[in-house]
Amino acid sequence: MAGELAAGRYGLISGTLDDLDDLGARIAAAAGDGASVETRSLPLAAEGLTPMQASRALRHALACFTRDGPEALDQAGFADGLSGFVTEAYARAVWLRRAIAERRFRLAFQPIVSLGDRRPHHYEALLRPEPDADSPVRGVQEFVAFAETAGLSEELDWAVLATVCAAARRARQTRIAANLSGLTLQSPAFRERLLTLLDAEPLLTHRLLIEITETAEIEDEAEAVRTVEALRARGLPLCIDDFGAGAAAFRYLRAFRVDYVKIDGLYVAAALRSDQDRGIVAGMVDLARTVGARVVAERIETEEEAALMRELGVDYGQGWLYGRPGPLPGAE
């Protein structure tokens, strides 16, 4: 099987190693125009990894390849397959745990506005790791993805949430959205810690909003449902982030009662060019309304996109048209 992972980058899954090079040569010949294909295998055997951990490590490998090509796999420790990655990952995990504990990141806040009057409805807190020449991870996505792979999602999410809470205490009359990964959402320990915080400071339920991300798929759905219901019982609104970007989002919409659904920005841009994509967005809006959720469209950058989203029934918009990530307005 072959599939496009990103513009100009393709992934190939072969049944056996014997035919991999031959298959690559046939693809290059079929593509023509001097196209070249590089093939390599990635041994999946890794002692000490559960199947789910191996799956996350493989997902991390695909993310590295998609971003920077085959060279990025070697830099991430995949030169010797998953077993080599495990060795490299230990050193990275030590650095990442220290970076989280020492809060080596900042938050940038981007407005989510009502498409009707363009007034800010709330702000999303976006993670921005501090520049570090010695960092073994690069960029926000790799920072978060590796935290999940290394089992540090709860530590990272709590550090970010604590920083968001501090901002929420300073900014009056402003609600802030904080992201929680699926791994964190299903943790009973994290749930109890968060509920204890909300019970001690009830005002935070009026100043926070939780966005459920799909970067790591939820394994224990029953525990995640308990967390969602407990937060809703305290009046804390929830949102499914990047709806449509992955298959699990539709399962989340069925399993969780949420207040908002945020449509992935790829559909927003595509809806201007394609009747089919426009119909998909309209279907997402109808689906969200069926479960009683309001709709947010992300990555709105032009007036044409804003007008189309409003025409399709989207309630709120987020993107550079309304403001780039920056300091939180109204913070003392």
C-alpha atoms as a PDB file:
ATOM      1  CA  MET A   1       0.000   0.000   0.000  1.00  0.00           C
ATOM      2  CA  ALA A   2       1.201   3.501  -0.788  1.00  0.00           C
ATOM      3  CA  GLY A   3      -0.191   6.775   0.486  1.00  0.00           C
ATOM      4  CA  GLU A   4       0.671  10.460   0.456  1.00  0.00           C
ATOM      5  CA  LEU A   5       1.719  11.546   3.958  1.00  0.00           C
ATOM      6  CA  ALA A   6       2.461  15.156   3.051  1.00  0.00           C
ATOM      7  CA  ALA A   7       3.098  17.198  -0.067  1.00  0.00           C
ATOM      8  CA  GLY A   8       5.784  15.329  -1.989  1.00  0.00           C
ATOM      9  CA  ARG A   9       6.270  12.637   0.687  1.00  0.00           C
ATOM     10  CA  TYR A  10       4.807   9.173   0.385  1.00  0.00           C
ATOM     11  CA  GLY A  11       4.814   6.131   2.631  1.00  0.00           C
ATOM     12  CA  LEU A  12       4.872   2.525   1.491  1.00  0.00           C
ATOM     13  CA  ILE A  13       3.863  -0.614   3.377  1.00  0.00           C
ATOM     14  CA  SER A  14       5.169  -3.836   1.844  1.00  0.00           C
ATOM     15  CA  GLY A  15       4.150  -7.359   2.707  1.00  0.00           C
ATOM     16  CA  THR A  16       7.712  -8.698   2.587  1.00  0.00           C
ATOM     17  CA  LEU A  17      11.174  -7.167   2.640  1.00  0.00           C
ATOM     18  CA  ASP A  18      12.212  -9.120  -0.467  1.00  0.00           C
ATOM     19  CA  ASP A  19      10.067  -7.118  -2.860  1.00  0.00           C
ATOM     20  CA  LEU A  20      10.551  -3.686  -1.279  1.00  0.00           C
ATOM     21  CA  ASP A  21      13.402  -2.465  -3.507  1.00  0.00           C
ATOM     22  CA  ASP A  22      11.779  -3.873  -6.638  1.00  0.00           C
ATOM     23  CA  LEU A  23       8.477  -2.230  -5.772  1.00  0.00           C
ATOM     24  CA  GLY A  24      10.214   1.097  -5.214  1.00  0.00           C
ATOM     25  CA  ALA A  25      11.889   0.863  -8.610  1.00  0.00           C
ATOM     26  CA  ARG A  26       8.567   0.101 -10.291  1.00  0.00           C
ATOM     27  CA  ILE A  27       6.927   3.103  -8.629  1.00  0.00           C
ATOM     28  CA  ALA A  28       9.767   5.378  -9.771  1.00  0.00           C
ATOM     29  CA  ALA A  29       9.475   4.054 -13.325  1.00  0.00           C
ATOM     30  CA  ALA A  30       5.728   4.563 -13.355  1.00  0.00           C
ATOM     31  CA  ALA A  31       6.079   8.117 -12.012  1.00  0.00           C
ATOM     32  CA  GLY A  32       8.559   9.041 -14.748  1.00  0.00           C
ATOM     33  CA  ASP A  33      10.046  12.523 -15.194  1.00  0.00           C
ATOM     34  CA  GLY A  34      13.197  11.558 -13.300  1.00  0.00           C
ATOM     35  CA  ALA A  35      11.330  10.614 -10.113  1.00  0.00           C
ATOM     36  CA  SER A  36      13.348   8.774  -7.505  1.00  0.00           C
ATOM     37  CA  VAL A  37      12.228   6.449  -4.738  1.00  0.00           C
ATOM     38  CA  GLU A  38      14.240   5.565  -1.650  1.00  0.00           C
ATOM     39  CA  THR A  39      13.193   2.462   0.273  1.00  0.00           C
ATOM     40  CA  ARG A  40      14.211   1.255   3.705  1.00  0.00           C
ATOM     41  CA  SER A  41      12.766  -1.045   6.307  1.00  0.00           C
ATOM     42  CA  LEU A  42      12.095  -0.289   9.942  1.00  0.00           C
ATOM     43  CA  PRO A  43      12.368  -3.358  12.215  1.00  0.00           C
ATOM     44  CA  LEU A  44       9.503  -3.274  14.698  1.00  0.00           C
ATOM     45  CA  ALA A  45      10.901  -5.698  17.274  1.00  0.00           C
ATOM     46  CA  ALA A  46      11.744  -3.846  20.499  1.00  0.00           C
ATOM     47  CA  GLU A  47      12.168  -5.596  23.814  1.00  0.00           C
ATOM     48  CA  GLY A  48      10.214  -4.052  26.667  1.00  0.00           C
ATOM     49  CA  LEU A  49       7.646  -2.201  24.554  1.00  0.00           C
ATOM     50  CA  THR A  50       3.951  -3.024  24.717  1.00  0.00           C
ATOM     51  CA  PRO A  51       2.108  -3.169  21.374  1.00  0.00           C
ATOM     52  CA  MET A  52       0.558   0.249  22.091  1.00  0.00           C
ATOM     53  CA  GLN A  53       3.954   1.774  22.948  1.00  0.00           C
ATOM     54  CA  ALA A  54       5.401   0.306  19.755  1.00  0.00           C
ATOM     55  CA  SER A  55       2.469   1.785  17.828  1.00  0.00           C
ATOM     56  CA  ARG A  56       3.145   5.238  19.287  1.00  0.00           C
ATOM     57  CA  ALA A  57       6.851   4.913  18.496  1.00  0.00           C
ATOM     58  CA  LEU A  58       6.002   3.984  14.912  1.00  0.00           C
ATOM     59  CA  ARG A  59       3.637   6.964  14.688  1.00  0.00           C
ATOM     60  CA  HIS A  60       6.497   9.156  15.917  1.00  0.00           C
ATOM     61  CA  ALA A  61       8.735   7.686  13.196  1.00  0.00           C
ATOM     62  CA  LEU A  62       6.141   8.519  10.539  1.00  0.00           C
ATOM     63  CA  ALA A  63       5.862  12.076  11.871  1.00  0.00           C
ATOM     64  CA  CYS A  64       9.655  12.501  11.635  1.00  0.00           C
ATOM     65  CA  PHE A  65       9.702  11.138   8.082  1.00  0.00           C
ATOM     66  CA  THR A  66       6.755  13.257   7.000  1.00  0.00           C
ATOM     67  CA  ARG A  67       8.414  16.406   8.304  1.00  0.00           C
ATOM     68  CA  ASP A  68      12.049  15.983   7.221  1.00  0.00           C
ATOM     69  CA  GLY A  69      12.433  12.778   5.227  1.00  0.00           C
ATOM     70  CA  PRO A  70      14.603   9.689   5.846  1.00  0.00           C
ATOM     71  CA  GLU A  71      17.409  11.651   7.518  1.00  0.00           C
ATOM     72  CA  ALA A  72      15.036  12.600  10.343  1.00  0.00           C
ATOM     73  CA  LEU A  73      14.529   8.917  11.150  1.00  0.00           C
ATOM     74  CA  ASP A  74      18.238   8.491  11.894  1.00  0.00           C
ATOM     75  CA  GLN A  75      18.336  11.682  13.942  1.00  0.00           C
ATOM     76  CA  ALA A  76      15.410  10.428  16.028  1.00  0.00           C
ATOM     77  CA  GLY A  77      17.212   7.153  16.767  1.00  0.00           C
ATOM     78  CA  PHE A  78      15.423   4.893  14.282  1.00  0.00           C
ATOM     79  CA  ALA A  79      18.574   3.851  12.378  1.00  0.00           C
ATOM     80  CA  ASP A  80      18.411   0.465  14.140  1.00  0.00           C
ATOM     81  CA  GLY A  81      14.634   0.228  14.201  1.00  0.00           C
ATOM     82  CA  LEU A  82      12.487   0.569  17.295  1.00  0.00           C
ATOM     83  CA  SER A  83      15.137  -0.989  19.528  1.00  0.00           C
ATOM     84  CA  GLY A  84      17.548   1.830  18.635  1.00  0.00           C
ATOM     85  CA  PHE A  85      14.802   4.355  19.217  1.00  0.00           C
ATOM     86  CA  VAL A  86      14.220   3.004  22.737  1.00  0.00           C
ATOM     87  CA  THR A  87      17.844   3.667  23.670  1.00  0.00           C
ATOM     88  CA  GLU A  88      17.716   7.161  22.209  1.00  0.00           C
ATOM     89  CA  ALA A  89      14.310   7.787  23.759  1.00  0.00           C
ATOM     90  CA  TYR A  90      15.590   7.248  27.298  1.00  0.00           C
ATOM     91  CA  ALA A  91      17.999  10.168  27.050  1.00  0.00           C
ATOM     92  CA  ARG A  92      15.334  12.302  25.412  1.00  0.00           C
ATOM     93  CA  ALA A  93      12.822  11.453  28.126  1.00  0.00           C
ATOM     94  CA  VAL A  94      15.223  12.585  30.834  1.00  0.00           C
ATOM     95  CA  TRP A  95      15.637  15.938  29.081  1.00  0.00           C
ATOM     96  CA  LEU A  96      11.902  16.313  28.454  1.00  0.00           C
ATOM     97  CA  ARG A  97      10.917  15.502  32.041  1.00  0.00           C
ATOM     98  CA  ARG A  98      13.334  18.192  33.258  1.00  0.00           C
ATOM     99  CA  ALA A  99      12.028  20.683  30.670  1.00  0.00           C
ATOM    100  CA  ILE A 100       8.447  20.082  31.822  1.00  0.00           C
ATOM    101  CA  ALA A 101       9.330  20.349  35.510  1.00  0.00           C
ATOM    102  CA  GLU A 102      11.231  23.588  34.925  1.00  0.00           C
ATOM    103  CA  ARG A 103       8.444  24.992  32.704  1.00  0.00           C
ATOM    104  CA  ARG A 104      10.699  25.534  29.714  1.00  0.00           C
ATOM    105  CA  PHE A 105       7.791  26.730  27.649  1.00  0.00           C
ATOM    106  CA  ARG A 106       5.461  29.679  27.330  1.00  0.00           C
ATOM    107  CA  LEU A 107       1.874  30.020  26.206  1.00  0.00           C
ATOM    108  CA  ALA A 108       0.562  32.094  23.320  1.00  0.00           C
ATOM    109  CA  PHE A 109      -3.157  32.901  23.227  1.00  0.00           C
ATOM    110  CA  GLN A 110      -5.246  33.028  20.055  1.00  0.00           C
ATOM    111  CA  PRO A 111      -8.816  34.355  19.993  1.00  0.00           C
ATOM    112  CA  ILE A 112     -11.846  32.315  18.992  1.00  0.00           C
ATOM    113  CA  VAL A 113     -14.495  34.782  17.846  1.00  0.00           C
ATOM    114  CA  SER A 114     -18.198  34.724  17.081  1.00  0.00           C
ATOM    115  CA  LEU A 115     -18.613  34.751  13.309  1.00  0.00           C
ATOM    116  CA  GLY A 116     -21.670  36.954  13.722  1.00  0.00           C
ATOM    117  CA  ASP A 117     -20.073  39.975  15.401  1.00  0.00           C
ATOM    118  CA  ARG A 118     -16.375  38.950  15.576  1.00  0.00           C
ATOM    119  CA  ARG A 119     -16.233  39.492  19.299  1.00  0.00           C
ATOM    120  CA  PRO A 120     -13.829  37.181  21.150  1.00  0.00           C
ATOM    121  CA  HIS A 121     -15.661  34.267  22.758  1.00  0.00           C
ATOM    122  CA  HIS A 122     -12.603  32.687  24.367  1.00  0.00           C
ATOM    123  CA  TYR A 123      -8.866  32.188  23.784  1.00  0.00           C
ATOM    124  CA  GLU A 124      -6.921  29.005  23.105  1.00  0.00           C
ATOM    125  CA  ALA A 125      -3.645  28.534  24.985  1.00  0.00           C
ATOM    126  CA  LEU A 126      -0.992  27.303  22.544  1.00  0.00           C
ATOM    127  CA  LEU A 127       2.221  25.665  23.741  1.00  0.00           C
ATOM    128  CA  ARG A 128       5.497  27.276  22.696  1.00  0.00           C
ATOM    129  CA  PRO A 129       8.654  25.435  23.893  1.00  0.00           C
ATOM    130  CA  GLU A 130      11.581  27.691  24.702  1.00  0.00           C
ATOM    131  CA  PRO A 131      14.356  27.731  22.078  1.00  0.00           C
ATOM    132  CA  ASP A 132      17.145  25.396  23.208  1.00  0.00           C
ATOM    133  CA  ALA A 133      20.120  24.439  21.071  1.00  0.00           C
ATOM    134  CA  ASP A 134      20.550  21.260  23.119  1.00  0.00           C
ATOM    135  CA  SER A 135      16.942  20.165  22.778  1.00  0.00           C
ATOM    136  CA  PRO A 136      16.575  16.611  21.377  1.00  0.00           C
ATOM    137  CA  VAL A 137      13.115  17.500  20.015  1.00  0.00           C
ATOM    138  CA  ARG A 138      12.177  20.198  17.546  1.00  0.00           C
ATOM    139  CA  GLY A 139       8.961  22.168  17.394  1.00  0.00           C
ATOM    140  CA  VAL A 140       5.657  21.960  19.199  1.00  0.00           C
ATOM    141  CA  GLN A 141       4.347  18.848  17.467  1.00  0.00           C
ATOM    142  CA  GLU A 142       7.426  16.769  18.203  1.00  0.00           C
ATOM    143  CA  PHE A 143       7.529  18.104  21.776  1.00  0.00           C
ATOM    144  CA  VAL A 144       3.961  16.892  22.388  1.00  0.00           C
ATOM    145  CA  ALA A 145       4.239  13.685  20.345  1.00  0.00           C
ATOM    146  CA  PHE A 146       7.386  12.590  22.138  1.00  0.00           C
ATOM    147  CA  ALA A 147       5.832  13.347  25.534  1.00  0.00           C
ATOM    148  CA  GLU A 148       3.075  10.899  24.610  1.00  0.00           C
ATOM    149  CA  THR A 149       5.536   8.312  23.347  1.00  0.00           C
ATOM    150  CA  ALA A 150       7.639   8.594  26.509  1.00  0.00           C
ATOM    151  CA  GLY A 151       4.644   8.402  28.860  1.00  0.00           C
ATOM    152  CA  LEU A 152       4.943  12.039  29.948  1.00  0.00           C
ATOM    153  CA  SER A 153       1.587  13.300  28.670  1.00  0.00           C
ATOM    154  CA  GLU A 154       0.084  13.735  32.117  1.00  0.00           C
ATOM    155  CA  GLU A 155       3.100  15.673  33.363  1.00  0.00           C
ATOM    156  CA  LEU A 156       3.072  17.956  30.328  1.00  0.00           C
ATOM    157  CA  ASP A 157      -0.698  18.479  30.384  1.00  0.00           C
ATOM    158  CA  TRP A 158      -0.663  19.321  34.083  1.00  0.00           C
ATOM    159  CA  ALA A 159       2.208  21.776  33.652  1.00  0.00           C
ATOM    160  CA  VAL A 160       0.351  23.499  30.807  1.00  0.00           C
ATOM    161  CA  LEU A 161      -2.957  23.459  32.688  1.00  0.00           C
ATOM    162  CA  ALA A 162      -1.336  24.960  35.783  1.00  0.00           C
ATOM    163  CA  THR A 163       0.084  27.752  33.623  1.00  0.00           C
ATOM    164  CA  VAL A 164      -3.324  28.301  32.000  1.00  0.00           C
ATOM    165  CA  CYS A 165      -4.959  28.486  35.431  1.00  0.00           C
ATOM    166  CA  ALA A 166      -2.452  31.111  36.513  1.00  0.00           C
ATOM    167  CA  ALA A 167      -3.333  33.161  33.419  1.00  0.00           C
ATOM    168  CA  ALA A 168      -7.055  32.649  34.029  1.00  0.00           C
ATOM    169  CA  ARG A 169      -6.754  34.016  37.556  1.00  0.00           C
ATOM    170  CA  ARG A 170      -5.169  37.190  36.196  1.00  0.00           C
ATOM    171  CA  ALA A 171      -7.472  37.717  33.217  1.00  0.00           C
ATOM    172  CA  ARG A 172     -10.932  38.717  34.329  1.00  0.00           C
ATOM    173  CA  GLN A 173     -13.980  37.817  32.224  1.00  0.00           C
ATOM    174  CA  THR A 174     -11.873  35.735  29.832  1.00  0.00           C
ATOM    175  CA  ARG A 175     -12.286  32.010  29.236  1.00  0.00           C
ATOM    176  CA  ILE A 176      -9.185  30.073  28.163  1.00  0.00           C
ATOM    177  CA  ALA A 177      -9.108  26.732  26.349  1.00  0.00           C
ATOM    178  CA  ALA A 178      -6.460  24.228  27.455  1.00  0.00           C
ATOM    179  CA  ASN A 179      -5.638  21.071  25.509  1.00  0.00           C
ATOM    180  CA  LEU A 180      -5.745  17.631  27.124  1.00  0.00           C
ATOM    181  CA  SER A 181      -4.524  14.571  25.273  1.00  0.00           C
ATOM    182  CA  GLY A 182      -6.543  11.402  25.074  1.00  0.00           C
ATOM    183  CA  LEU A 183      -3.955   9.672  27.258  1.00  0.00           C
ATOM    184  CA  THR A 184      -4.498  12.204  30.023  1.00  0.00           C
ATOM    185  CA  LEU A 185      -8.263  12.173  29.732  1.00  0.00           C
ATOM    186  CA  GLN A 186      -8.403   8.472  30.633  1.00  0.00           C
ATOM    187  CA  SER A 187      -6.177   8.786  33.727  1.00  0.00           C
ATOM    188  CA  PRO A 188      -8.069   8.428  37.066  1.00  0.00           C
ATOM    189  CA  ALA A 189      -5.170  10.075  38.922  1.00  0.00           C
ATOM    190  CA  PHE A 190      -5.201  13.134  36.657  1.00  0.00           C
ATOM    191  CA  ARG A 191      -8.989  13.333  36.903  1.00  0.00           C
ATOM    192  CA  GLU A 192      -8.914  13.389  40.701  1.00  0.00           C
ATOM    193  CA  ARG A 193      -6.159  15.993  40.699  1.00  0.00           C
ATOM    194  CA  LEU A 194      -8.109  18.242  38.338  1.00  0.00           C
ATOM    195  CA  LEU A 195     -11.402  17.813  40.215  1.00  0.00           C
ATOM    196  CA  THR A 196      -9.672  18.659  43.492  1.00  0.00           C
ATOM    197  CA  LEU A 197      -8.392  21.875  41.897  1.00  0.00           C
ATOM    198  CA  LEU A 198     -11.829  22.811  40.529  1.00  0.00           C
ATOM    199  CA  ASP A 199     -13.538  22.077  43.857  1.00  0.00           C
ATOM    200  CA  ALA A 200     -11.013  24.293  45.637  1.00  0.00           C
ATOM    201  CA  GLU A 201     -11.413  27.115  43.067  1.00  0.00           C
ATOM    202  CA  PRO A 202     -14.930  26.955  41.587  1.00  0.00           C
ATOM    203  CA  LEU A 203     -14.361  30.185  39.658  1.00  0.00           C
ATOM    204  CA  LEU A 204     -11.981  28.322  37.363  1.00  0.00           C
ATOM    205  CA  THR A 205     -14.937  26.473  35.835  1.00  0.00           C
ATOM    206  CA  HIS A 206     -16.066  29.858  34.467  1.00  0.00           C
ATOM    207  CA  ARG A 207     -12.640  30.675  33.088  1.00  0.00           C
ATOM    208  CA  LEU A 208     -11.497  27.377  31.589  1.00  0.00           C
ATOM    209  CA  LEU A 209     -12.487  25.237  28.614  1.00  0.00           C
ATOM    210  CA  ILE A 210     -10.986  21.835  27.828  1.00  0.00           C
ATOM    211  CA  GLU A 211     -10.118  20.791  24.277  1.00  0.00           C
ATOM    212  CA  ILE A 212      -9.770  17.037  23.766  1.00  0.00           C
ATOM    213  CA  THR A 213      -6.971  16.331  21.289  1.00  0.00           C
ATOM    214  CA  GLU A 214      -6.573  13.220  19.162  1.00  0.00           C
ATOM    215  CA  THR A 215      -2.790  13.127  18.975  1.00  0.00           C
ATOM    216  CA  ALA A 216      -2.932   9.891  20.993  1.00  0.00           C
ATOM    217  CA  GLU A 217      -5.982   7.698  20.710  1.00  0.00           C
ATOM    218  CA  ILE A 218      -7.966   6.849  23.834  1.00  0.00           C
ATOM    219  CA  GLU A 219      -7.627   3.205  24.876  1.00  0.00           C
ATOM    220  CA  ASP A 220      -9.806   3.153  28.014  1.00  0.00           C
ATOM    221  CA  GLU A 221     -12.919   4.895  26.784  1.00  0.00           C
ATOM    222  CA  ALA A 222     -14.874   4.184  29.993  1.00  0.00           C
ATOM    223  CA  GLU A 223     -12.371   6.136  32.118  1.00  0.00           C
ATOM    224  CA  ALA A 224     -12.356   8.983  29.597  1.00  0.00           C
ATOM    225  CA  VAL A 225     -16.160   9.148  29.761  1.00  0.00           C
ATOM    226  CA  ARG A 226     -15.957   9.351  33.568  1.00  0.00           C
ATOM    227  CA  THR A 227     -13.599  12.313  33.265  1.00  0.00           C
ATOM    228  CA  VAL A 228     -15.810  14.093  30.726  1.00  0.00           C
ATOM    229  CA  GLU A 229     -18.957  13.576  32.810  1.00  0.00           C
ATOM    230  CA  ALA A 230     -17.237  14.713  36.020  1.00  0.00           C
ATOM    231  CA  LEU A 231     -16.009  17.919  34.364  1.00  0.00           C
ATOM    232  CA  ARG A 232     -19.404  18.626  32.824  1.00  0.00           C
ATOM    233  CA  ALA A 233     -21.047  18.082  36.217  1.00  0.00           C
ATOM    234  CA  ARG A 234     -18.942  20.979  37.510  1.00  0.00           C
ATOM    235  CA  GLY A 235     -19.959  23.194  34.606  1.00  0.00           C
ATOM    236  CA  LEU A 236     -16.685  23.017  32.682  1.00  0.00           C
ATOM    237  CA  PRO A 237     -17.289  23.141  28.895  1.00  0.00           C
ATOM    238  CA  LEU A 238     -15.472  20.708  26.592  1.00  0.00           C
ATOM    239  CA  CYS A 239     -14.529  20.698  22.914  1.00  0.00           C
ATOM    240  CA  ILE A 240     -13.347  18.016  20.479  1.00  0.00           C
ATOM    241  CA  ASP A 241     -10.293  19.444  18.721  1.00  0.00           C
ATOM    242  CA  ASP A 242      -9.342  18.962  15.037  1.00  0.00           C
ATOM    243  CA  PHE A 243     -12.590  17.198  14.191  1.00  0.00           C
ATOM    244  CA  GLY A 244     -12.229  15.270  10.946  1.00  0.00           C
ATOM    245  CA  ALA A 245      -8.432  15.020  11.089  1.00  0.00           C
ATOM    246  CA  GLY A 246      -8.572  11.434  12.377  1.00  0.00           C
ATOM    247  CA  ALA A 247     -11.042   8.584  12.453  1.00  0.00           C
ATOM    248  CA  ALA A 248     -11.292   8.539  16.261  1.00  0.00           C
ATOM    249  CA  ALA A 249     -12.902  11.991  16.410  1.00  0.00           C
ATOM    250  CA  PHE A 250     -16.227  10.607  15.219  1.00  0.00           C
ATOM    251  CA  ARG A 251     -16.087   7.947  17.925  1.00  0.00           C
ATOM    252  CA  TYR A 252     -15.357  10.654  20.496  1.00  0.00           C
ATOM    253  CA  LEU A 253     -18.394  12.639  19.371  1.00  0.00           C
ATOM    254  CA  ARG A 254     -20.555   9.584  19.948  1.00  0.00           C
ATOM    255  CA  ALA A 255     -18.979   8.679  23.304  1.00  0.00           C
ATOM    256  CA  PHE A 256     -18.546  12.100  24.912  1.00  0.00           C
ATOM    257  CA  ARG A 257     -21.068  14.835  25.566  1.00  0.00           C
ATOM    258  CA  VAL A 258     -19.267  17.996  24.490  1.00  0.00           C
ATOM    259  CA  ASP A 259     -20.225  21.625  24.061  1.00  0.00           C
ATOM    260  CA  TYR A 260     -18.074  22.454  21.033  1.00  0.00           C
ATOM    261  CA  VAL A 261     -16.626  20.730  17.972  1.00  0.00           C
ATOM    262  CA  LYS A 262     -13.638  22.334  16.231  1.00  0.00           C
ATOM    263  CA  ILE A 263     -13.396  21.496  12.521  1.00  0.00           C
ATOM    264  CA  ASP A 264      -9.877  20.825  11.289  1.00  0.00           C
ATOM    265  CA  GLY A 265      -8.464  23.696   9.261  1.00  0.00           C
ATOM    266  CA  LEU A 266      -7.726  21.531   6.216  1.00  0.00           C
ATOM    267  CA  TYR A 267     -11.461  21.317   5.529  1.00  0.00           C
ATOM    268  CA  VAL A 268     -11.859  25.085   5.863  1.00  0.00           C
ATOM    269  CA  ALA A 269      -9.371  25.816   3.087  1.00  0.00           C
ATOM    270  CA  ALA A 270     -10.615  22.948   0.909  1.00  0.00           C
ATOM    271  CA  ALA A 271     -14.268  24.028   1.152  1.00  0.00           C
ATOM    272  CA  LEU A 272     -13.571  27.086  -1.009  1.00  0.00           C
ATOM    273  CA  ARG A 273     -12.202  24.936  -3.824  1.00  0.00           C
ATOM    274  CA  SER A 274     -14.424  21.885  -3.771  1.00  0.00           C
ATOM    275  CA  ASP A 275     -18.160  21.275  -3.615  1.00  0.00           C
ATOM    276  CA  GLN A 276     -17.417  17.909  -2.062  1.00  0.00           C
ATOM    277  CA  ASP A 277     -15.390  19.411   0.788  1.00  0.00           C
ATOM    278  CA  ARG A 278     -18.030  22.085   1.241  1.00  0.00           C
ATOM    279  CA  GLY A 279     -20.576  19.319   1.664  1.00  0.00           C
ATOM    280  CA  ILE A 280     -18.329  17.547   4.179  1.00  0.00           C
ATOM    281  CA  VAL A 281     -18.118  20.704   6.315  1.00  0.00           C
ATOM    282  CA  ALA A 282     -21.897  21.128   6.124  1.00  0.00           C
ATOM    283  CA  GLY A 283     -22.272  17.506   7.211  1.00  0.00           C
ATOM    284  CA  MET A 284     -19.943  18.080  10.171  1.00  0.00           C
ATOM    285  CA  VAL A 285     -21.999  21.090  11.239  1.00  0.00           C
ATOM    286  CA  ASP A 286     -25.211  19.061  11.069  1.00  0.00           C
ATOM    287  CA  LEU A 287     -23.598  16.209  12.993  1.00  0.00           C
ATOM    288  CA  ALA A 288     -22.410  18.553  15.741  1.00  0.00           C
ATOM    289  CA  ARG A 289     -25.849  20.125  16.046  1.00  0.00           C
ATOM    290  CA  THR A 290     -27.396  16.672  16.347  1.00  0.00           C
ATOM    291  CA  VAL A 291     -25.495  16.152  19.609  1.00  0.00           C
ATOM    292  CA  GLY A 292     -26.117  19.719  20.804  1.00  0.00           C
ATOM    293  CA  ALA A 293     -22.614  21.080  20.163  1.00  0.00           C
ATOM    294  CA  ARG A 294     -21.614  24.449  18.719  1.00  0.00           C
ATOM    295  CA  VAL A 295     -19.074  24.522  15.886  1.00  0.00           C
ATOM    296  CA  VAL A 296     -15.686  26.250  15.635  1.00  0.00           C
ATOM    297  CA  ALA A 297     -13.737  26.450  12.357  1.00  0.00           C
ATOM    298  CA  GLU A 298      -9.991  26.817  12.709  1.00  0.00           C
ATOM    299  CA  ARG A 299      -7.346  28.329  10.421  1.00  0.00           C
ATOM    300  CA  ILE A 300      -9.606  30.978   8.904  1.00  0.00           C
ATOM    301  CA  GLU A 301      -7.258  33.319   7.075  1.00  0.00           C
ATOM    302  CA  THR A 302      -9.401  35.143   4.487  1.00  0.00           C
ATOM    303  CA  GLU A 303     -12.708  36.962   4.343  1.00  0.00           C
ATOM    304  CA  GLU A 304     -13.903  34.412   1.762  1.00  0.00           C
ATOM    305  CA  GLU A 305     -13.286  31.549   4.175  1.00  0.00           C
ATOM    306  CA  ALA A 306     -15.027  33.427   6.974  1.00  0.00           C
ATOM    307  CA  ALA A 307     -18.076  34.154   4.818  1.00  0.00           C
ATOM    308  CA  LEU A 308     -18.338  30.542   3.670  1.00  0.00           C
ATOM    309  CA  MET A 309     -18.054  29.142   7.195  1.00  0.00           C
ATOM    310  CA  ARG A 310     -20.786  31.481   8.366  1.00  0.00           C
ATOM    311  CA  GLU A 311     -22.951  30.470   5.398  1.00  0.00           C
ATOM    312  CA  LEU A 312     -22.474  26.790   6.322  1.00  0.00           C
ATOM    313  CA  GLY A 313     -23.694  27.417   9.862  1.00  0.00           C
ATOM    314  CA  VAL A 314     -20.400  27.526  11.753  1.00  0.00           C
ATOM    315  CA  ASP A 315     -20.732  29.497  14.993  1.00  0.00           C
ATOM    316  CA  TYR A 316     -17.154  30.519  15.797  1.00  0.00           C
ATOM    317  CA  GLY A 317     -13.889  31.081  13.961  1.00  0.00           C
ATOM    318  CA  GLN A 318     -10.204  30.927  14.791  1.00  0.00           C
ATOM    319  CA  GLY A 319      -7.312  31.964  12.599  1.00  0.00           C
ATOM    320  CA  TRP A 320      -4.976  34.721  11.502  1.00  0.00           C
ATOM    321  CA  LEU A 321      -7.890  36.740  10.122  1.00  0.00           C
ATOM    322  CA  TYR A 322      -8.968  37.389  13.719  1.00  0.00           C
ATOM    323  CA  GLY A 323      -5.607  37.478  15.437  1.00  0.00           C
ATOM    324  CA  ARG A 324      -2.313  35.659  15.699  1.00  0.00           C
ATOM    325  CA  PRO A 325      -1.221  33.908  18.909  1.00  0.00           C
ATOM    326  CA  GLY A 326       0.179  36.397  21.401  1.00  0.00           C
ATOM    327  CA  PRO A 327      -0.216  37.775  24.927  1.00  0.00           C
ATOM    328  CA  LEU A 328      -3.528  37.264  26.681  1.00  0.00           C
ATOM    329  CA  PRO A 329      -5.620  40.477  26.567  1.00  0.00           C
ATOM    330  CA  GLY A 330      -6.835  41.726  29.925  1.00  0.00           C
ATOM    331  CA  ALA A 331      -4.227  39.864  31.981  1.00  0.00           C
ATOM    332  CA  GLU A 332      -3.061  41.904  34.937  1.00  0.00           C
END
